[in-house]
């Protein structure tokens, strides 16, 4: 995430050698920011793969559940839903696992659906954490760099050249730049995928409630109709 943005900034900076400045400013704060960038890219890639309608609400799972309910093959549905990883399959399996009447089945289904929604939101929560910590780490690195720069200036008796002083300040401020370059994409993707997860959860819960209502209640859930 940081490397392409560094290249763009270098091209736009009119000869400013940001890559060299990055290497000169390399310290613990830089390492943490780079690691945060790597983690953010991994989380975004996982979201692209897993947080989508095709993975959470596959049409094949819905068709299979409706077909088994229509045919009265509830025992087969119970075993199949236990193995399928779709949102609706897990909710239906939770409802079938509770003996009793419809209120108990609905309660078990709602609890399972809530757990599935919480699990989906946890997939993207790390982006929010990284996005909020990025500027703080960058600011901490800047403060640390400024302390070092002015300490060096004090040791030189205040006789440091403007070029050396400006170079030290630039190195310090570079940490703030890295923090912002990490935070902006992470928080942007977090906002986008939070809306995606919210929309998918609403669709999944509505569909799950519809399928649970189709299930037979009580002892009839374990028998095929005559």
Protein backbone atom coordinates (compact mmCIF):
# COMPACT_ATOMS: atom_id res chain seq x y z
CA UNK A 1 0.00 0.00 0.00
CA UNK A 2 2.78 2.45 0.88
CA UNK A 3 5.15 1.61 -1.97
CA UNK A 4 2.88 2.67 -4.89
CA UNK A 5 1.94 5.86 -3.07
CA UNK A 6 5.62 6.64 -2.46
CA UNK A 7 6.29 6.24 -6.18
CA UNK A 8 3.40 8.57 -7.06
CA UNK A 9 4.55 11.11 -4.51
CA UNK A 10 8.08 10.89 -5.89
CA UNK A 11 6.88 11.56 -9.43
CA UNK A 12 4.69 14.46 -8.28
CA UNK A 13 7.37 15.97 -6.08
CA UNK A 14 9.51 17.34 -8.89
CA UNK A 15 12.68 15.45 -8.10
CA UNK A 16 12.12 15.04 -4.37
CA UNK A 17 13.85 11.79 -3.46
CA UNK A 18 11.22 10.30 -1.18
CA UNK A 19 12.62 6.81 -1.49
CA UNK A 20 15.94 7.93 -0.05
CA UNK A 21 14.13 9.90 2.64
CA UNK A 22 12.19 6.75 3.51
CA UNK A 23 15.41 4.78 3.91
CA UNK A 24 17.04 7.53 5.97
CA UNK A 25 14.00 7.74 8.26
CA UNK A 26 13.82 3.98 8.77
CA UNK A 27 13.33 3.21 12.46
CA UNK A 28 10.90 1.39 14.79
CA UNK A 29 8.00 3.67 13.86
CA UNK A 30 8.62 3.12 10.16
CA UNK A 31 8.69 -0.64 10.69
CA UNK A 32 5.36 -0.51 12.56
CA UNK A 33 3.77 1.60 9.83
CA UNK A 34 5.01 -0.71 7.08
CA UNK A 35 3.75 -3.76 8.98
CA UNK A 36 0.40 -2.04 9.42
CA UNK A 37 0.30 -1.43 5.68
CA UNK A 38 0.97 -5.12 4.97
CA UNK A 39 -1.75 -6.21 7.41
CA UNK A 40 -4.21 -3.71 5.92
CA UNK A 41 -3.58 -5.06 2.41
CA UNK A 42 -4.12 -8.63 3.67
CA UNK A 43 -7.39 -7.66 5.39
CA UNK A 44 -8.63 -5.85 2.28
CA UNK A 45 -7.78 -8.86 0.10
CA UNK A 46 -9.66 -11.16 2.48
CA UNK A 47 -12.67 -8.84 2.41
CA UNK A 48 -12.69 -8.83 -1.39
CA UNK A 49 -12.71 -12.64 -1.40
CA UNK A 50 -15.04 -13.38 1.53
CA UNK A 51 -17.30 -10.35 2.01
CA UNK A 52 -19.50 -10.66 -1.06
CA UNK A 53 -22.96 -11.95 -1.84
CA UNK A 54 -21.66 -15.01 -3.69
CA UNK A 55 -19.77 -16.21 -0.61
CA UNK A 56 -22.27 -15.25 2.09
CA UNK A 57 -25.56 -15.86 0.28
CA UNK A 58 -24.92 -18.35 -2.52
CA UNK A 59 -28.05 -19.01 -4.54
CA UNK A 60 -27.25 -22.72 -4.68
CA UNK A 61 -27.60 -23.02 -0.90
CA UNK A 62 -30.96 -21.26 -0.92
CA UNK A 63 -32.26 -23.51 -3.71
CA UNK A 64 -31.07 -26.62 -1.92
CA UNK A 65 -32.76 -25.62 1.34
CA UNK A 66 -36.03 -24.76 -0.35
CA UNK A 67 -35.99 -28.00 -2.31
CA UNK A 68 -35.36 -30.19 0.74
CA UNK A 69 -38.09 -28.41 2.71
CA UNK A 70 -40.53 -28.73 -0.16
CA UNK A 71 -39.81 -32.47 -0.44
CA UNK A 72 -40.11 -32.94 3.31
CA UNK A 73 -36.56 -34.31 3.60
CA UNK A 74 -35.86 -32.58 6.91
CA UNK A 75 -33.36 -35.14 8.22
CA UNK A 76 -31.33 -34.77 5.05
CA UNK A 77 -31.61 -30.99 5.33
CA UNK A 78 -30.30 -31.11 8.88
CA UNK A 79 -27.19 -33.03 7.83
CA UNK A 80 -26.60 -30.96 4.71
CA UNK A 81 -27.00 -27.61 6.51
CA UNK A 82 -24.48 -28.70 9.15
CA UNK A 83 -21.83 -29.09 6.45
CA UNK A 84 -22.65 -26.08 4.29
CA UNK A 85 -20.92 -22.82 5.20
CA UNK A 86 -23.51 -20.36 3.88
CA UNK A 87 -25.16 -17.88 6.25
CA UNK A 88 -28.66 -19.25 5.71
CA UNK A 89 -27.53 -22.86 6.09
CA UNK A 90 -26.04 -22.18 9.51
CA UNK A 91 -29.20 -20.39 10.63
CA UNK A 92 -31.46 -23.19 9.38
CA UNK A 93 -29.28 -25.78 11.08
CA UNK A 94 -29.49 -23.84 14.35
CA UNK A 95 -33.28 -23.76 14.08
CA UNK A 96 -33.46 -27.51 13.37
CA UNK A 97 -31.18 -28.26 16.30
CA UNK A 98 -33.74 -26.96 18.79
CA UNK A 99 -36.59 -29.37 19.57
CA UNK A 100 -39.91 -27.69 20.18
CA UNK A 101 -42.28 -25.26 18.58
CA UNK A 102 -41.71 -22.33 16.27
CA UNK A 103 -40.90 -19.71 18.96
CA UNK A 104 -37.90 -21.73 20.14
CA UNK A 105 -36.77 -22.33 16.57
CA UNK A 106 -37.07 -18.62 15.77
CA UNK A 107 -35.07 -17.68 18.86
CA UNK A 108 -32.27 -20.10 18.00
CA UNK A 109 -32.24 -18.84 14.40
CA UNK A 110 -32.07 -15.19 15.50
CA UNK A 111 -29.20 -15.93 17.88
CA UNK A 112 -27.26 -17.73 15.16
CA UNK A 113 -27.93 -14.94 12.65
CA UNK A 114 -26.67 -12.35 15.14
CA UNK A 115 -23.50 -14.36 15.69
CA UNK A 116 -22.93 -14.64 11.93
CA UNK A 117 -23.38 -10.88 11.48
CA UNK A 118 -20.96 -10.17 14.32
CA UNK A 119 -18.42 -12.52 12.71
CA UNK A 120 -18.70 -10.64 9.41
CA UNK A 121 -18.21 -7.28 11.09
CA UNK A 122 -15.14 -8.61 12.91
CA UNK A 123 -13.56 -9.33 9.53
CA UNK A 124 -13.35 -5.60 8.80
CA UNK A 125 -12.85 -4.19 12.32
CA UNK A 126 -9.08 -4.50 12.01
CA UNK A 127 -9.12 -1.94 9.19
CA UNK A 128 -10.66 0.59 11.57
CA UNK A 129 -8.04 -0.14 14.22
CA UNK A 130 -5.18 0.21 11.72
CA UNK A 131 -6.67 3.35 10.20
CA UNK A 132 -6.97 5.05 13.57
CA UNK A 133 -3.58 3.94 14.87
CA UNK A 134 -1.70 4.93 11.70
CA UNK A 135 -1.74 8.72 12.25
CA UNK A 136 -0.97 8.27 15.95
CA UNK A 137 2.10 6.16 15.19
CA UNK A 138 3.14 8.66 12.53
CA UNK A 139 2.77 11.54 14.98
CA UNK A 140 4.75 9.65 17.61
CA UNK A 141 7.52 9.06 15.06
CA UNK A 142 7.48 12.74 14.13
CA UNK A 143 7.76 13.87 17.74
CA UNK A 144 10.60 11.43 18.31
CA UNK A 145 12.40 12.64 15.19
CA UNK A 146 11.97 16.27 16.19
CA UNK A 147 13.41 15.51 19.62
CA UNK A 148 16.46 13.91 18.01
CA UNK A 149 16.86 16.78 15.52
CA UNK A 150 16.73 19.50 18.16
CA UNK A 151 18.92 17.51 20.53
CA UNK A 152 21.54 17.35 17.78
CA UNK A 153 21.12 21.07 17.25
CA UNK A 154 21.71 21.66 20.95
CA UNK A 155 24.82 19.50 20.98
CA UNK A 156 26.19 21.55 18.08
CA UNK A 157 25.71 24.69 20.11
CA UNK A 158 22.97 25.94 17.82
CA UNK A 159 25.43 26.16 14.93
CA UNK A 160 23.88 23.47 12.73
CA UNK A 161 23.44 24.50 9.11
CA UNK A 162 19.91 25.19 7.81
CA UNK A 163 20.32 22.31 5.36
CA UNK A 164 21.12 19.82 8.12
CA UNK A 165 18.29 21.12 10.30
CA UNK A 166 15.73 21.01 7.50
CA UNK A 167 16.84 17.48 6.61
CA UNK A 168 16.28 16.31 10.17
CA UNK A 169 12.85 17.95 10.32
CA UNK A 170 11.92 16.40 6.96
CA UNK A 171 12.86 12.96 8.25
CA UNK A 172 10.71 13.53 11.32
CA UNK A 173 7.69 14.71 9.35
CA UNK A 174 8.01 11.74 7.00
CA UNK A 175 6.54 9.53 9.73
CA UNK A 176 3.38 11.64 9.73
CA UNK A 177 3.15 11.24 5.97
CA UNK A 178 3.47 7.45 6.28
CA UNK A 179 0.79 7.39 8.97
CA UNK A 180 -1.65 9.34 6.79
CA UNK A 181 -0.85 7.20 3.75
CA UNK A 182 -1.77 4.17 5.83
CA UNK A 183 -4.88 5.64 7.46
CA UNK A 184 -6.64 7.07 4.42
CA UNK A 185 -6.91 3.83 2.36
CA UNK A 186 -7.62 1.69 5.44
CA UNK A 187 -10.46 3.90 6.67
CA UNK A 188 -11.82 4.29 3.14
CA UNK A 189 -12.05 0.55 2.62
CA UNK A 190 -13.46 0.13 6.12
CA UNK A 191 -16.28 2.57 5.38
CA UNK A 192 -17.06 0.88 2.06
CA UNK A 193 -17.05 -2.66 3.42
CA UNK A 194 -18.97 -1.72 6.54
CA UNK A 195 -21.84 -0.68 4.30
CA UNK A 196 -21.44 -3.85 2.27
CA UNK A 197 -21.54 -6.05 5.38
CA UNK A 198 -24.55 -4.18 6.75
CA UNK A 199 -26.45 -4.63 3.49
CA UNK A 200 -25.55 -8.32 3.20
CA UNK A 201 -26.49 -9.00 6.83
CA UNK A 202 -29.90 -7.42 6.35
CA UNK A 203 -30.52 -9.52 3.25
CA UNK A 204 -29.25 -12.67 4.93
CA UNK A 205 -31.36 -12.19 8.05
CA UNK A 206 -34.51 -11.55 6.02
CA UNK A 207 -33.91 -14.62 3.86
CA UNK A 208 -33.04 -16.76 6.89
CA UNK A 209 -36.26 -15.73 8.64
CA UNK A 210 -38.24 -16.66 5.54
CA UNK A 211 -36.62 -20.11 5.34
CA UNK A 212 -37.07 -20.78 9.05
CA UNK A 213 -40.79 -20.06 8.70
CA UNK A 214 -40.97 -22.78 6.05
CA UNK A 215 -39.58 -25.40 8.45
CA UNK A 216 -42.07 -27.73 10.13
CA UNK A 217 -42.31 -27.31 13.87
CA UNK A 218 -42.10 -29.89 16.64
CA UNK A 219 -41.95 -33.59 15.93
CA UNK A 220 -42.89 -33.06 12.28
CA UNK A 221 -39.41 -31.66 11.67
CA UNK A 222 -37.97 -35.16 11.96
CA UNK A 223 -40.52 -36.97 9.75
CA UNK A 224 -41.27 -37.01 6.09
CA UNK A 225 -44.89 -36.15 5.29
CA UNK A 226 -47.16 -38.98 4.21
